[in-house]
Each structure stands twice: as C-alpha cells, then as structure tokens.
C-alpha atoms as a PDB file:
ATOM      1  CA  MET A   1     130.366  13.641  59.569  1.00  0.00           C
ATOM      2  CA  ALA A   2     127.225  15.292  60.962  1.00  0.00           C
ATOM      3  CA  LEU A   3     125.141  13.140  63.224  1.00  0.00           C
ATOM      4  CA  ILE A   4     122.283  11.569  61.298  1.00  0.00           C
ATOM      5  CA  LYS A   5     119.111  11.446  63.424  1.00  0.00           C
ATOM      6  CA  THR A   6     116.849   9.538  61.096  1.00  0.00           C
ATOM      7  CA  ARG A   7     116.692   5.947  60.137  1.00  0.00           C
ATOM      8  CA  SER A   8     116.863   6.809  56.404  1.00  0.00           C
ATOM      9  CA  ALA A   9     119.942   7.379  54.302  1.00  0.00           C
ATOM     10  CA  SER A  10     119.920  10.652  52.350  1.00  0.00           C
ATOM     11  CA  THR A  11     123.153   9.800  50.444  1.00  0.00           C
ATOM     12  CA  PRO A  12     124.605   6.372  49.534  1.00  0.00           C
ATOM     13  CA  GLN A  13     127.394   6.675  52.166  1.00  0.00           C
ATOM     14  CA  ASP A  14     124.953   7.514  54.878  1.00  0.00           C
ATOM     15  CA  ILE A  15     123.734   3.963  54.826  1.00  0.00           C
ATOM     16  CA  HIS A  16     127.037   2.696  56.228  1.00  0.00           C
ATOM     17  CA  PHE A  17     126.768   5.169  59.148  1.00  0.00           C
ATOM     18  CA  LEU A  18     123.141   4.113  59.790  1.00  0.00           C
ATOM     19  CA  PHE A  19     124.004   0.485  59.583  1.00  0.00           C
ATOM     20  CA  GLU A  20     126.916   0.764  62.055  1.00  0.00           C
ATOM     21  CA  ARG A  21     124.738   2.709  64.460  1.00  0.00           C
ATOM     22  CA  ALA A  22     121.850   0.219  64.267  1.00  0.00           C
ATOM     23  CA  TYR A  23     124.172  -2.793  64.592  1.00  0.00           C
ATOM     24  CA  ASN A  24     125.989  -1.403  67.568  1.00  0.00           C
ATOM     25  CA  GLY A  25     122.627  -0.547  69.119  1.00  0.00           C
ATOM     26  CA  GLY A  26     121.337  -3.988  68.563  1.00  0.00           C
ATOM     27  CA  ASP A  27     118.410  -2.503  66.695  1.00  0.00           C
ATOM     28  CA  LEU A  28     117.243  -5.188  64.274  1.00  0.00           C
ATOM     29  CA  GLU A  29     114.308  -3.182  63.044  1.00  0.00           C
ATOM     30  CA  ALA A  30     116.543  -0.264  62.198  1.00  0.00           C
ATOM     31  CA  ILE A  31     118.780  -2.590  60.272  1.00  0.00           C
ATOM     32  CA  LEU A  32     115.903  -3.965  58.290  1.00  0.00           C
ATOM     33  CA  ALA A  33     114.618  -0.516  57.574  1.00  0.00           C
ATOM     34  CA  LEU A  34     117.788  -0.034  55.444  1.00  0.00           C
ATOM     35  CA  TYR A  35     116.895  -2.921  53.088  1.00  0.00           C
ATOM     36  CA  GLU A  36     114.408  -3.020  50.321  1.00  0.00           C
ATOM     37  CA  PRO A  37     111.698  -5.677  50.959  1.00  0.00           C
ATOM     38  CA  ASN A  38     113.277  -8.155  48.442  1.00  0.00           C
ATOM     39  CA  ALA A  39     116.899  -7.237  49.080  1.00  0.00           C
ATOM     40  CA  VAL A  40     119.571  -9.851  48.934  1.00  0.00           C
ATOM     41  CA  LEU A  41     122.127 -10.482  51.719  1.00  0.00           C
ATOM     42  CA  VAL A  42     124.952 -12.837  51.319  1.00  0.00           C
ATOM     43  CA  THR A  43     125.383 -14.734  54.614  1.00  0.00           C
ATOM     44  CA  GLY A  44     127.522 -17.840  55.158  1.00  0.00           C
ATOM     45  CA  GLY A  45     128.567 -17.602  51.521  1.00  0.00           C
ATOM     46  CA  LYS A  46     124.907 -17.990  50.302  1.00  0.00           C
ATOM     47  CA  PRO A  47     122.424 -15.348  49.233  1.00  0.00           C
ATOM     48  CA  VAL A  48     119.162 -14.962  51.118  1.00  0.00           C
ATOM     49  CA  THR A  49     116.350 -12.800  49.942  1.00  0.00           C
ATOM     50  CA  GLY A  50     113.740 -10.663  51.828  1.00  0.00           C
ATOM     51  CA  HIS A  51     113.330  -9.231  55.195  1.00  0.00           C
ATOM     52  CA  ASN A  52     112.364 -12.476  56.977  1.00  0.00           C
ATOM     53  CA  HIS A  53     115.613 -14.162  55.935  1.00  0.00           C
ATOM     54  CA  ILE A  54     117.696 -11.008  56.546  1.00  0.00           C
ATOM     55  CA  ARG A  55     116.127 -10.794  60.004  1.00  0.00           C
ATOM     56  CA  ASP A  56     117.133 -14.386  60.772  1.00  0.00           C
ATOM     57  CA  ALA A  57     120.719 -13.768  59.585  1.00  0.00           C
ATOM     58  CA  PHE A  58     121.159 -10.612  61.799  1.00  0.00           C
ATOM     59  CA  LYS A  59     119.466 -12.141  64.878  1.00  0.00           C
ATOM     60  CA  THR A  60     122.370 -14.616  65.132  1.00  0.00           C
ATOM     61  CA  SER A  61     125.002 -11.960  64.444  1.00  0.00           C
ATOM     62  CA  LEU A  62     123.577  -9.389  66.925  1.00  0.00           C
ATOM     63  CA  SER A  63     123.249 -11.997  69.702  1.00  0.00           C
ATOM     64  CA  SER A  64     127.114 -11.986  70.084  1.00  0.00           C
ATOM     65  CA  GLY A  65     127.045  -8.435  71.319  1.00  0.00           C
ATOM     66  CA  ALA A  66     130.144  -7.585  69.165  1.00  0.00           C
ATOM     67  CA  ARG A  67     130.649  -3.939  68.105  1.00  0.00           C
ATOM     68  CA  MET A  68     131.106  -2.979  64.533  1.00  0.00           C
ATOM     69  CA  LYS A  69     133.281  -0.373  62.954  1.00  0.00           C
ATOM     70  CA  LEU A  70     132.346   0.395  59.345  1.00  0.00           C
ATOM     71  CA  GLU A  71     134.212   2.761  57.066  1.00  0.00           C
ATOM     72  CA  THR A  72     133.146   3.757  53.545  1.00  0.00           C
ATOM     73  CA  LEU A  73     136.097   3.110  51.274  1.00  0.00           C
ATOM     74  CA  GLY A  74     134.494   4.043  47.928  1.00  0.00           C
ATOM     75  CA  VAL A  75     131.185   5.026  46.302  1.00  0.00           C
ATOM     76  CA  ILE A  76     130.386   4.796  42.639  1.00  0.00           C
ATOM     77  CA  GLU A  77     127.063   6.396  41.747  1.00  0.00           C
ATOM     78  CA  SER A  78     125.159   6.097  38.486  1.00  0.00           C
ATOM     79  CA  GLY A  79     122.806   8.674  37.084  1.00  0.00           C
ATOM     80  CA  GLU A  80     120.134   5.893  37.196  1.00  0.00           C
ATOM     81  CA  GLY A  81     119.638   6.013  40.949  1.00  0.00           C
ATOM     82  CA  LEU A  82     121.999   3.143  41.775  1.00  0.00           C
ATOM     83  CA  ALA A  83     125.303   3.153  43.677  1.00  0.00           C
ATOM     84  CA  VAL A  84     127.945   0.598  44.564  1.00  0.00           C
ATOM     85  CA  LEU A  85     129.523   0.956  47.919  1.00  0.00           C
ATOM     86  CA  HIS A  86     132.778  -0.644  49.218  1.00  0.00           C
ATOM     87  CA  GLY A  87     133.387  -0.684  52.965  1.00  0.00           C
ATOM     88  CA  GLY A  88     135.973  -1.911  55.360  1.00  0.00           C
ATOM     89  CA  TRP A  89     134.625  -3.313  58.572  1.00  0.00           C
ATOM     90  CA  SER A  90     135.829  -4.848  61.812  1.00  0.00           C
ATOM     91  CA  LEU A  91     133.830  -6.742  64.488  1.00  0.00           C
ATOM     92  CA  GLY A  92     134.696  -7.521  68.035  1.00  0.00           C
ATOM     93  CA  PRO A  93     135.123  -8.463  70.736  1.00  0.00           C
ATOM     94  CA  PRO A  94     134.841 -11.243  71.916  1.00  0.00           C
ATOM     95  CA  THR A  95     136.754 -12.294  68.775  1.00  0.00           C
ATOM     96  CA  GLY A  96     138.137  -9.823  66.258  1.00  0.00           C
ATOM     97  CA  THR A  97     137.278 -10.247  62.609  1.00  0.00           C
ATOM     98  CA  GLN A  98     137.529  -7.792  59.659  1.00  0.00           C
ATOM     99  CA  GLY A  99     136.706  -7.716  56.045  1.00  0.00           C
ATOM    100  CA  LEU A 100     135.520  -5.857  53.037  1.00  0.00           C
ATOM    101  CA  SER A 101     131.923  -5.315  51.901  1.00  0.00           C
ATOM    102  CA  THR A 102     130.284  -4.537  48.640  1.00  0.00           C
ATOM    103  CA  GLU A 103     126.743  -3.255  48.459  1.00  0.00           C
ATOM    104  CA  VAL A 104     124.371  -2.073  45.835  1.00  0.00           C
ATOM    105  CA  VAL A 105     121.976   0.656  47.040  1.00  0.00           C
ATOM    106  CA  ARG A 106     119.076   2.268  45.224  1.00  0.00           C
ATOM    107  CA  ARG A 107     117.531   5.732  45.556  1.00  0.00           C
ATOM    108  CA  GLN A 108     113.906   5.380  46.572  1.00  0.00           C
ATOM    109  CA  PRO A 109     111.075   7.530  45.331  1.00  0.00           C
ATOM    110  CA  ASP A 110     111.324   9.716  48.426  1.00  0.00           C
ATOM    111  CA  GLY A 111     115.015  10.305  47.798  1.00  0.00           C
ATOM    112  CA  THR A 112     116.445   8.039  50.507  1.00  0.00           C
ATOM    113  CA  TRP A 113     118.739   5.114  49.769  1.00  0.00           C
ATOM    114  CA  MET A 114     118.216   1.474  50.606  1.00  0.00           C
ATOM    115  CA  PHE A 115     120.244  -1.798  50.215  1.00  0.00           C
ATOM    116  CA  VAL A 116     119.428  -3.914  47.210  1.00  0.00           C
ATOM    117  CA  ILE A 117     122.311  -6.262  47.456  1.00  0.00           C
ATOM    118  CA  ASP A 118     124.648  -6.636  50.440  1.00  0.00           C
ATOM    119  CA  ASN A 119     127.716  -8.835  50.436  1.00  0.00           C
ATOM    120  CA  PRO A 120     129.570  -8.222  53.680  1.00  0.00           C
ATOM    121  CA  ASN A 121     132.420 -10.648  52.794  1.00  0.00           C
ATOM    122  CA  THR A 122     133.868  -9.508  49.544  1.00  0.00           C
ATOM    123  CA  PRO A 123     136.889 -11.596  48.510  1.00  0.00           C
ATOM    124  CA  ARG A 124     140.177  -9.656  48.381  1.00  0.00           C
END
C-alpha cells in the first residue's frame, strides 16, 4: 500500500491505515479527524456519540502506550456513499489483545471517507 500522507481517507479502506497510524503515533486529534462530528463509537460495550465522548474513550486507550496492528478484512461499498468495513486488530504490549471490528463509513462531500459508526469489538 502506498504511504498516505494526509489525514483524510480517499477510499473506505484508507481509514484503517490512517487510524492505525494515528493510534500508534498517539495522535488523538488525527483519530478524531476520522470521525464525523456525531459519529458513534462502541466502547466498553456501550455506544457513545460525538467527538467529546470519543475523545474521552481514546484518551484512556492511548495512555497505555500499546501499539496497534489493523488489517482490513473486508469492504462492502454501496452506491449511496456508504461502506461497511471489517477489520482484524491486535493491541499490545504490555498485554496482548485482539479482535474484530465493524465500521460504517460515509463519503463526505469532498470525496473523503469518515467513520459514522465504529464497533471495535464485534462478536465472533
């Protein structure tokens, strides 16, 4: 995959690369830039809405210093400017965890893609 130098996803699958890069860089603002203002993030099994709540959720996660590996496993894109992504992720050290994610992303008027719904812990 070519190195993406922007903070905007030009395809649905770019958002995973950008998220991984921002997470591993501890860049909370770059993470938030990938979410629509009223996006939903499932955290601790409960949905939270909006940048303020998403910021709070990632502050805790980023404070661990863990590194993330995120691989796009599937993309289903509609002709309506929506796509569903499935990803496999791992996080560590200090502890090692892994899981599956499901996200809904939307094409923005400028052609970039942003998270609308992000569930990082999809049940198997």
